[in-house]
N, C-alpha and C. Protein backbone atom coordinates (compact mmCIF):
# COMPACT_ATOMS: atom_id res chain seq x y z
N MET A 1 45.76 -10.27 19.30
CA MET A 1 46.33 -9.20 20.10
C MET A 1 45.52 -7.92 19.86
N THR A 2 45.39 -7.11 20.90
CA THR A 2 44.65 -5.87 20.79
C THR A 2 45.46 -4.73 21.41
N HIS A 3 45.19 -3.54 20.98
CA HIS A 3 45.89 -2.37 21.53
C HIS A 3 45.11 -1.72 22.67
N TYR A 4 43.98 -2.28 23.05
CA TYR A 4 43.18 -1.70 24.13
C TYR A 4 43.73 -2.08 25.49
N LYS A 5 43.73 -1.13 26.38
CA LYS A 5 44.15 -1.37 27.75
C LYS A 5 43.11 -2.24 28.45
N GLY A 6 43.58 -3.28 29.16
CA GLY A 6 42.67 -4.11 29.94
C GLY A 6 41.88 -5.13 29.15
N VAL A 7 42.32 -5.45 27.96
CA VAL A 7 41.60 -6.42 27.12
C VAL A 7 42.53 -7.58 26.79
N THR A 8 42.00 -8.78 26.92
CA THR A 8 42.77 -9.98 26.60
C THR A 8 41.93 -10.95 25.79
N ALA A 9 42.60 -11.72 24.97
CA ALA A 9 41.90 -12.78 24.24
C ALA A 9 41.47 -13.83 25.25
N SER A 10 40.25 -14.34 25.11
CA SER A 10 39.80 -15.35 26.04
C SER A 10 40.66 -16.59 25.87
N LYS A 11 40.86 -17.27 26.97
CA LYS A 11 41.79 -18.41 26.99
C LYS A 11 41.07 -19.72 26.69
N GLY A 12 41.82 -20.70 26.51
CA GLY A 12 41.34 -22.03 26.18
C GLY A 12 42.47 -22.71 25.43
N HIS A 13 42.16 -23.75 24.72
CA HIS A 13 43.21 -24.40 23.94
C HIS A 13 43.70 -23.48 22.84
N HIS A 14 42.79 -22.73 22.25
CA HIS A 14 43.13 -21.76 21.21
C HIS A 14 42.20 -20.56 21.38
N HIS A 15 42.68 -19.42 20.92
CA HIS A 15 41.83 -18.23 20.98
C HIS A 15 40.59 -18.48 20.11
N ASP A 16 39.41 -18.29 20.71
CA ASP A 16 38.16 -18.60 20.02
C ASP A 16 37.49 -17.37 19.42
N GLY A 17 38.23 -16.27 19.33
CA GLY A 17 37.65 -15.07 18.76
C GLY A 17 36.89 -14.23 19.77
N LYS A 18 36.92 -14.61 21.03
CA LYS A 18 36.24 -13.86 22.09
C LYS A 18 37.26 -13.06 22.89
N TRP A 19 36.76 -12.02 23.56
CA TRP A 19 37.61 -11.10 24.31
C TRP A 19 37.06 -10.90 25.71
N GLN A 20 37.95 -10.59 26.67
CA GLN A 20 37.54 -10.34 28.04
C GLN A 20 38.20 -9.08 28.57
N ALA A 21 37.52 -8.45 29.53
CA ALA A 21 38.07 -7.28 30.21
C ALA A 21 38.74 -7.74 31.50
N GLN A 22 39.93 -7.21 31.74
CA GLN A 22 40.68 -7.52 32.96
C GLN A 22 41.24 -6.23 33.54
N ILE A 23 41.33 -6.19 34.88
CA ILE A 23 41.94 -5.03 35.52
C ILE A 23 42.75 -5.51 36.71
N ARG A 24 43.88 -4.90 36.92
CA ARG A 24 44.74 -5.24 38.06
C ARG A 24 44.23 -4.51 39.30
N VAL A 25 44.14 -5.27 40.38
CA VAL A 25 43.73 -4.71 41.67
C VAL A 25 44.68 -5.27 42.71
N GLY A 26 45.45 -4.40 43.32
CA GLY A 26 46.44 -4.89 44.28
C GLY A 26 47.42 -5.81 43.56
N GLY A 27 47.57 -7.02 44.09
CA GLY A 27 48.48 -7.98 43.48
C GLY A 27 47.79 -8.95 42.55
N GLY A 28 46.50 -8.77 42.32
CA GLY A 28 45.76 -9.73 41.49
C GLY A 28 45.14 -9.10 40.26
N VAL A 29 44.46 -9.93 39.51
CA VAL A 29 43.77 -9.51 38.30
C VAL A 29 42.32 -9.95 38.39
N LEU A 30 41.40 -9.01 38.16
CA LEU A 30 39.98 -9.35 38.08
C LEU A 30 39.58 -9.45 36.62
N THR A 31 38.87 -10.51 36.28
CA THR A 31 38.41 -10.71 34.91
C THR A 31 36.89 -10.67 34.89
N TRP A 32 36.33 -9.78 34.08
CA TRP A 32 34.89 -9.72 33.89
C TRP A 32 34.46 -11.01 33.23
N GLY A 33 33.50 -11.70 33.83
CA GLY A 33 33.11 -13.03 33.38
C GLY A 33 32.62 -13.14 31.95
N PRO A 34 31.62 -12.37 31.54
CA PRO A 34 31.12 -12.52 30.17
C PRO A 34 32.21 -12.20 29.14
N ARG A 35 32.20 -12.96 28.07
CA ARG A 35 33.15 -12.75 26.98
C ARG A 35 32.46 -11.96 25.87
N PHE A 36 33.25 -11.24 25.09
CA PHE A 36 32.72 -10.36 24.06
C PHE A 36 33.18 -10.82 22.68
N ASP A 37 32.37 -10.50 21.69
CA ASP A 37 32.71 -10.85 20.31
C ASP A 37 33.76 -9.92 19.72
N ASN A 38 33.91 -8.74 20.32
CA ASN A 38 34.90 -7.80 19.79
C ASN A 38 35.67 -7.14 20.94
N PRO A 39 36.90 -6.74 20.69
CA PRO A 39 37.71 -6.15 21.75
C PRO A 39 37.20 -4.79 22.21
N GLU A 40 36.47 -4.09 21.37
CA GLU A 40 35.97 -2.76 21.75
C GLU A 40 35.01 -2.86 22.93
N ASP A 41 34.10 -3.84 22.91
CA ASP A 41 33.16 -3.98 24.03
C ASP A 41 33.89 -4.36 25.31
N ALA A 42 34.89 -5.22 25.21
CA ALA A 42 35.68 -5.57 26.40
C ALA A 42 36.41 -4.33 26.92
N ALA A 43 36.92 -3.49 26.02
CA ALA A 43 37.62 -2.27 26.42
C ALA A 43 36.68 -1.30 27.13
N LYS A 44 35.43 -1.25 26.70
CA LYS A 44 34.46 -0.37 27.35
C LYS A 44 34.14 -0.85 28.77
N VAL A 45 34.06 -2.15 28.97
CA VAL A 45 33.82 -2.66 30.32
C VAL A 45 35.05 -2.43 31.19
N TYR A 46 36.24 -2.58 30.62
CA TYR A 46 37.45 -2.23 31.36
C TYR A 46 37.37 -0.77 31.82
N ASP A 47 36.95 0.12 30.93
CA ASP A 47 36.86 1.54 31.28
C ASP A 47 35.96 1.75 32.49
N ILE A 48 34.83 1.08 32.53
CA ILE A 48 33.91 1.25 33.66
C ILE A 48 34.54 0.72 34.94
N MET A 49 35.20 -0.43 34.87
CA MET A 49 35.89 -0.95 36.07
C MET A 49 36.95 0.06 36.52
N ALA A 50 37.68 0.64 35.59
CA ALA A 50 38.71 1.62 35.93
C ALA A 50 38.10 2.86 36.57
N ILE A 51 36.97 3.31 36.06
CA ILE A 51 36.30 4.49 36.64
C ILE A 51 35.94 4.22 38.09
N TYR A 52 35.35 3.06 38.36
CA TYR A 52 34.95 2.76 39.73
C TYR A 52 36.15 2.59 40.65
N LEU A 53 37.22 2.00 40.15
CA LEU A 53 38.37 1.73 41.00
C LEU A 53 39.33 2.91 41.13
N LYS A 54 39.47 3.69 40.07
CA LYS A 54 40.49 4.74 40.06
C LYS A 54 39.92 6.15 39.97
N GLY A 55 38.62 6.27 39.76
CA GLY A 55 38.00 7.58 39.71
C GLY A 55 38.54 8.46 38.61
N PRO A 56 38.69 9.76 38.88
CA PRO A 56 39.09 10.70 37.84
C PRO A 56 40.50 10.48 37.32
N ASP A 57 41.30 9.66 37.99
CA ASP A 57 42.65 9.37 37.52
C ASP A 57 42.68 8.19 36.56
N ALA A 58 41.54 7.60 36.30
CA ALA A 58 41.49 6.41 35.44
C ALA A 58 41.93 6.76 34.02
N LYS A 59 42.76 5.90 33.47
CA LYS A 59 43.16 6.03 32.06
C LYS A 59 42.23 5.13 31.26
N LEU A 60 41.44 5.74 30.39
CA LEU A 60 40.39 5.03 29.68
C LEU A 60 40.75 4.79 28.22
N ASN A 61 40.12 3.78 27.66
CA ASN A 61 40.23 3.52 26.23
C ASN A 61 39.33 4.45 25.43
N PHE A 62 38.15 4.71 25.99
CA PHE A 62 37.13 5.51 25.31
C PHE A 62 36.66 6.63 26.22
N ASP A 63 35.37 6.85 26.30
CA ASP A 63 34.83 7.95 27.08
C ASP A 63 34.06 7.49 28.31
N GLY A 64 34.24 6.24 28.71
CA GLY A 64 33.59 5.76 29.91
C GLY A 64 32.17 5.27 29.72
N ARG A 65 31.75 5.09 28.49
CA ARG A 65 30.40 4.58 28.23
C ARG A 65 30.47 3.08 27.99
N PRO A 66 29.68 2.32 28.72
CA PRO A 66 29.72 0.86 28.52
C PRO A 66 28.99 0.46 27.24
N PRO A 67 29.18 -0.78 26.79
CA PRO A 67 28.36 -1.26 25.68
C PRO A 67 26.89 -1.11 26.05
N ALA A 68 26.04 -0.96 25.07
CA ALA A 68 24.62 -0.68 25.31
C ALA A 68 23.94 -1.72 26.19
N TYR A 69 24.40 -2.95 26.16
CA TYR A 69 23.73 -4.02 26.89
C TYR A 69 24.34 -4.29 28.27
N ILE A 70 25.30 -3.48 28.71
CA ILE A 70 25.91 -3.62 30.03
C ILE A 70 25.49 -2.42 30.87
N LEU A 71 25.03 -2.67 32.08
CA LEU A 71 24.64 -1.60 32.99
C LEU A 71 25.79 -1.24 33.93
N LEU A 72 25.95 0.06 34.19
CA LEU A 72 26.95 0.49 35.16
C LEU A 72 26.76 -0.23 36.49
N ALA A 73 25.50 -0.39 36.89
CA ALA A 73 25.20 -1.03 38.17
C ALA A 73 25.70 -2.47 38.21
N ASP A 74 25.66 -3.17 37.08
CA ASP A 74 26.15 -4.55 37.05
C ASP A 74 27.66 -4.62 37.24
N VAL A 75 28.37 -3.68 36.64
CA VAL A 75 29.83 -3.65 36.80
C VAL A 75 30.17 -3.28 38.24
N ARG A 76 29.46 -2.31 38.78
CA ARG A 76 29.71 -1.92 40.17
C ARG A 76 29.43 -3.08 41.12
N LYS A 77 28.34 -3.82 40.91
CA LYS A 77 28.02 -4.97 41.76
C LYS A 77 29.11 -6.03 41.66
N PHE A 78 29.61 -6.28 40.46
CA PHE A 78 30.70 -7.24 40.27
C PHE A 78 31.90 -6.84 41.11
N LEU A 79 32.30 -5.57 41.04
CA LEU A 79 33.45 -5.10 41.80
C LEU A 79 33.18 -5.12 43.30
N TRP A 80 31.97 -4.77 43.69
CA TRP A 80 31.59 -4.80 45.11
C TRP A 80 31.65 -6.23 45.64
N ASP A 81 31.08 -7.16 44.88
CA ASP A 81 31.08 -8.57 45.29
C ASP A 81 32.50 -9.13 45.40
N LYS A 82 33.42 -8.60 44.62
CA LYS A 82 34.82 -9.04 44.68
C LYS A 82 35.56 -8.38 45.84
N GLY A 83 34.91 -7.42 46.51
CA GLY A 83 35.50 -6.79 47.68
C GLY A 83 36.57 -5.75 47.38
N VAL A 84 36.51 -5.15 46.19
CA VAL A 84 37.55 -4.18 45.84
C VAL A 84 37.07 -2.73 45.89
N LEU A 85 35.81 -2.51 46.22
CA LEU A 85 35.30 -1.14 46.33
C LEU A 85 35.27 -0.73 47.80
N ASP A 86 35.80 0.45 48.07
CA ASP A 86 35.86 0.96 49.43
C ASP A 86 35.39 2.42 49.42
N PRO A 87 34.14 2.67 49.85
CA PRO A 87 33.62 4.04 49.82
C PRO A 87 34.49 5.05 50.57
N ALA A 88 35.21 4.61 51.58
CA ALA A 88 36.06 5.54 52.33
C ALA A 88 37.25 6.01 51.49
N ARG A 89 37.74 5.17 50.59
CA ARG A 89 38.89 5.51 49.76
C ARG A 89 38.50 5.93 48.35
N GLN A 90 37.23 5.69 47.98
CA GLN A 90 36.78 5.99 46.63
C GLN A 90 35.50 6.82 46.69
N PRO A 91 35.61 8.12 46.94
CA PRO A 91 34.43 8.97 47.15
C PRO A 91 33.53 9.09 45.93
N TRP A 92 34.01 8.71 44.77
CA TRP A 92 33.24 8.83 43.53
C TRP A 92 32.29 7.66 43.32
N LEU A 93 32.26 6.69 44.21
CA LEU A 93 31.46 5.48 43.99
C LEU A 93 29.96 5.76 43.86
N ASP A 94 29.43 6.65 44.69
CA ASP A 94 27.99 6.91 44.64
C ASP A 94 27.59 7.74 43.44
N GLU A 95 28.41 8.70 43.08
CA GLU A 95 28.09 9.58 41.96
C GLU A 95 29.32 9.75 41.07
N PRO A 96 29.68 8.70 40.32
CA PRO A 96 30.91 8.82 39.51
C PRO A 96 30.83 9.91 38.46
N GLN A 97 29.62 10.25 38.00
CA GLN A 97 29.48 11.23 36.93
C GLN A 97 30.10 12.59 37.30
N GLN A 98 30.01 12.96 38.55
CA GLN A 98 30.51 14.28 38.94
C GLN A 98 32.03 14.41 38.76
N PHE A 99 32.72 13.30 38.57
CA PHE A 99 34.17 13.34 38.45
C PHE A 99 34.65 13.25 37.01
N PHE A 100 33.74 13.19 36.05
CA PHE A 100 34.13 13.01 34.65
C PHE A 100 33.51 14.07 33.76
N LYS A 101 34.24 14.45 32.74
CA LYS A 101 33.77 15.49 31.82
C LYS A 101 32.70 14.98 30.87
N SER A 102 32.88 13.76 30.37
CA SER A 102 31.89 13.23 29.44
C SER A 102 30.81 12.46 30.22
N PRO A 103 29.59 12.46 29.73
CA PRO A 103 28.53 11.78 30.47
C PRO A 103 28.71 10.27 30.47
N LEU A 104 28.54 9.67 31.64
CA LEU A 104 28.60 8.22 31.77
C LEU A 104 27.19 7.70 31.66
N LEU A 105 27.00 6.67 30.89
CA LEU A 105 25.67 6.11 30.72
C LEU A 105 25.51 4.85 31.53
């Protein structure tokens, strides 16, 4: 169990020590495919998904910085491919940095 928002133990017959980022969108749940060795990295990817989906109203675990080996563009592409990004409703999609106080990497 973890106290991070949007983080779940990876499933299987038994928890294998891996973690995944999940976010609710509409009536469903999107799960970031790659699994993480620690819940902190999963929480950071959740934060990025939340930034893209909820903009400045996003409730984050940290400061919006992804793990060093994850690119913002990869998370955005994942969400775009899932059909949950709408530039008309989410004006921060092109330049999310302008909506946040801390720098997004």
